[in-house]
Protein backbone atom coordinates (compact mmCIF):
# COMPACT_ATOMS: atom_id res chain seq x y z
CA MET A 1 -2.97 -14.08 -58.77
CA VAL A 2 -0.39 -12.27 -57.48
CA LYS A 3 0.05 -12.47 -53.50
CA LYS A 4 0.07 -8.98 -51.89
CA GLN A 5 3.17 -8.18 -49.59
CA LYS A 6 2.85 -6.63 -46.50
CA ARG A 7 4.47 -3.72 -45.75
CA PHE A 8 5.84 -2.91 -42.16
CA SER A 9 6.30 0.37 -41.65
CA LYS A 10 9.89 1.20 -39.53
CA GLY A 11 8.52 4.03 -38.15
CA LYS A 12 6.49 2.12 -36.15
CA GLU A 13 9.38 0.23 -33.90
CA GLN A 14 10.95 3.36 -32.66
CA PHE A 15 8.01 3.49 -30.50
CA LYS A 16 8.03 -0.06 -29.48
CA ARG A 17 8.02 -0.46 -25.61
CA VAL A 18 10.47 -3.34 -23.97
CA TYR A 19 10.36 -4.06 -20.73
CA CYS A 20 13.11 -2.79 -18.29
CA LEU A 21 15.89 -5.54 -18.25
CA GLY A 22 16.59 -4.20 -14.29
CA CYS A 23 13.18 -4.81 -12.85
CA GLN A 24 10.62 -6.29 -15.40
CA GLN A 25 8.07 -4.34 -14.58
CA ARG A 26 8.51 -1.16 -16.33
CA LYS A 27 8.43 -0.14 -19.72
CA SER A 28 11.25 2.54 -20.68
CA CYS A 29 10.54 5.60 -21.90
CA GLY A 30 13.80 6.31 -23.45
CA LYS A 31 14.72 9.65 -21.51
CA LEU A 32 18.00 8.66 -19.65
CA ASP A 33 18.51 5.62 -21.69
CA GLU A 34 18.19 5.88 -25.21
CA LYS A 35 18.23 2.02 -26.32
CA LYS A 36 15.04 1.57 -23.86
CA ARG A 37 17.06 -1.08 -22.27
CA TYR A 38 16.43 -0.02 -18.42
CA CYS A 39 13.68 2.19 -17.21
CA CYS A 40 14.46 5.18 -16.06
CA VAL A 41 14.79 4.26 -12.10
CA CYS A 42 16.84 1.49 -12.70
CA TYR A 43 19.02 3.14 -15.12
CA ARG A 44 19.85 6.07 -12.77
CA LYS A 45 21.13 3.33 -9.96
CA ILE A 46 23.74 2.15 -12.79
CA LEU A 47 25.08 5.94 -13.39
CA GLU A 48 25.29 6.67 -9.38
CA GLU A 49 27.20 3.15 -9.47
CA LEU A 50 29.19 4.55 -12.04
CA GLU A 51 29.24 8.32 -10.41
CA ARG A 52 30.52 6.13 -6.95
CA ASP A 53 33.39 3.95 -8.62
CA GLU A 54 34.41 7.67 -10.66
CA LEU A 55 34.03 6.12 -14.27
CA LEU A 56 30.96 8.26 -15.34
CA ILE A 57 31.70 10.27 -18.51
CA SER A 58 30.61 13.92 -18.90
CA SER A 59 27.34 13.52 -20.34
CA ALA A 60 25.86 11.10 -18.42
CA GLN A 61 26.63 13.00 -15.64
CA GLU A 62 24.86 15.87 -17.15
CA ALA A 63 21.91 13.33 -18.25
CA LEU A 64 22.01 12.17 -14.32
CA ASN A 65 22.11 15.56 -12.84
CA ASP A 66 19.02 17.11 -15.05
CA TYR A 67 17.29 14.10 -14.18
CA ARG A 68 17.98 14.63 -10.53
CA ALA A 69 16.98 18.42 -11.04
CA GLY A 70 13.15 17.11 -12.32
CA ILE A 71 14.96 18.81 -15.58
CA ILE A 72 14.19 14.77 -17.49
CA VAL A 73 11.19 14.07 -16.51
CA CYS A 74 10.05 10.26 -16.36
CA GLN A 75 7.17 8.64 -18.05
CA CYS A 76 8.36 5.16 -17.90
CA LEU A 77 5.21 3.09 -17.87
CA MET A 78 4.61 0.51 -15.05
CA ALA A 79 3.52 -2.55 -15.96
CA GLU A 80 -0.16 -3.58 -16.11
CA LYS A 81 0.61 -7.09 -14.19
CA PRO A 82 2.61 -8.23 -12.06
CA ARG A 83 5.61 -10.66 -13.63
CA ALA A 84 7.13 -14.00 -12.43
CA LYS A 85 10.46 -13.49 -10.79
CA TYR A 86 12.43 -16.68 -12.01
CA LEU A 87 12.04 -18.35 -15.09
CA SER A 88 12.43 -22.52 -15.30
CA SER A 89 14.44 -24.34 -17.96
CA ASP A 90 11.78 -24.35 -20.37
CA GLY A 91 11.15 -20.69 -20.67
CA SER A 92 8.09 -20.24 -18.71
CA GLY A 93 8.37 -18.13 -15.06
CA TRP A 94 7.53 -18.59 -12.03
CA SER A 95 7.30 -17.17 -8.48
CA HIS A 96 6.57 -17.31 -4.97
CA CYS A 97 3.08 -16.76 -3.03
CA GLN A 98 3.76 -13.52 -0.77
CA GLY A 99 1.70 -14.94 1.70
CA CYS A 100 3.27 -18.60 2.42
CA TRP A 101 6.00 -18.41 -0.07
CA LYS A 102 4.46 -21.73 -2.01
CA ARG A 103 5.97 -21.84 -5.71
CA VAL A 104 3.21 -20.30 -8.24
CA LYS A 105 3.21 -20.63 -11.92
CA SER A 106 3.27 -17.76 -14.80
CA ALA A 107 1.38 -17.48 -17.87
CA GLY A 108 3.31 -18.35 -20.80
CA HIS A 109 6.30 -17.27 -21.84
CA HIS A 110 5.98 -13.81 -20.80
CA SER A 111 6.22 -13.75 -17.27
CA VAL A 112 3.55 -12.49 -16.46
CA ILE A 113 1.22 -13.38 -13.58
CA LYS A 114 -2.05 -15.44 -13.91
CA ASN A 115 -5.08 -13.67 -13.17
CA ARG A 116 -6.25 -16.11 -10.43
CA ASN A 117 -2.84 -15.18 -8.81
CA ASP A 118 -3.42 -11.60 -8.75
CA PRO A 119 -5.07 -10.14 -5.65
CA LYS A 120 -6.36 -6.83 -7.71
CA PHE A 121 -8.24 -9.46 -10.03
CA TRP A 122 -10.17 -10.49 -7.04
CA GLY A 123 -11.36 -7.27 -5.87
CA LEU A 124 -8.73 -6.54 -3.33
CA GLU A 125 -7.03 -3.57 -2.46
CA ILE A 126 -3.96 -5.00 -0.89
CA LYS A 127 -0.15 -4.65 -0.30
CA GLU A 128 0.52 -8.36 -1.50
CA LYS A 129 0.76 -9.28 -5.67
CA VAL A 130 1.04 -12.52 -5.79
CA LEU A 131 -1.11 -15.06 -3.77
CA CYS A 132 -1.43 -18.62 -4.28
CA GLY A 133 -5.07 -19.80 -4.03
CA LYS A 134 -4.78 -20.87 0.24
CA CYS A 135 -4.15 -17.42 0.66
CA LEU A 136 -6.46 -16.22 -1.31
CA ARG A 137 -8.83 -18.36 0.15
CA SER A 138 -8.51 -16.51 3.57
CA LEU A 139 -9.57 -13.41 1.84
CA VAL A 140 -12.86 -14.40 0.00
CA GLY A 141 -14.58 -12.17 2.47
CA GLN A 142 -13.16 -9.15 1.23
CA MET A 143 -14.09 -9.78 -2.34
CA PRO A 144 -16.88 -8.51 -4.05
CA VAL A 145 -20.13 -10.69 -4.34
CA SER A 146 -19.45 -11.60 -7.90
CA LYS A 147 -15.65 -12.65 -7.21
CA ARG A 148 -16.38 -14.94 -4.41
CA TYR A 149 -18.46 -16.52 -7.34
CA THR A 150 -16.06 -17.01 -9.75
CA PHE A 151 -13.44 -18.00 -7.08
CA ASN A 152 -15.56 -20.38 -5.78
CA LYS A 153 -16.28 -21.65 -9.38
CA TYR A 154 -12.05 -21.86 -9.86
CA GLU A 155 -11.77 -23.74 -6.40
CA LYS A 156 -14.52 -26.52 -8.17
CA ARG A 157 -12.41 -26.90 -11.61
CA GLY A 158 -9.45 -27.31 -9.12
CA TYR A 159 -7.14 -24.51 -10.58
CA TRP A 160 -4.85 -24.43 -7.54
CA LYS A 161 -4.29 -28.40 -7.19
C-alpha cells in the first residue's frame, strides 16, 4: 500500500496574513510593507521617523507620499479579538483589566484575550477591551438576559477566582 503525500500549494502562502509586529492588532495587507511584517499604520510611523531623520530612500518616500495622498488605500484587517500585550516566560500572554488594572491571562500562546474577559462577548458596547470578572459583575445590568445567565454560570464555576 502506497501512502499518498499531501500536496501543499505555495500559492496559498502568498495570501497568508500575519499580525503586525508593532501593534499585534492588524493583519498586514502588504500595500506599504511588502514583507507584511507591519500594518500600514505602524509602517507609516516607521517611515515618518526615518523621514524626520532624513534617512528615507526615494522609493519609500514616494510610497509614503502616495499613502498620505490616498493613492495607496490601506486594506489591513483589524483583529477579531483583543490581544494580550505581554508574554510570560512560558509563552502565554497576559494583559491588565482596563477597569481595575488586575492581571488577566490570555487564551494560549496566540495572546488572544479569553471570551470571558471580552466585554463584546457579553453584549456590552463599551470602550474597554479587557475586563476582569469583578468589573464585569458591575456591568451585569447592561447585559442581555441570556448573557446574564451565562455570566452567573461562569461565576458559579469559579472562572474569575
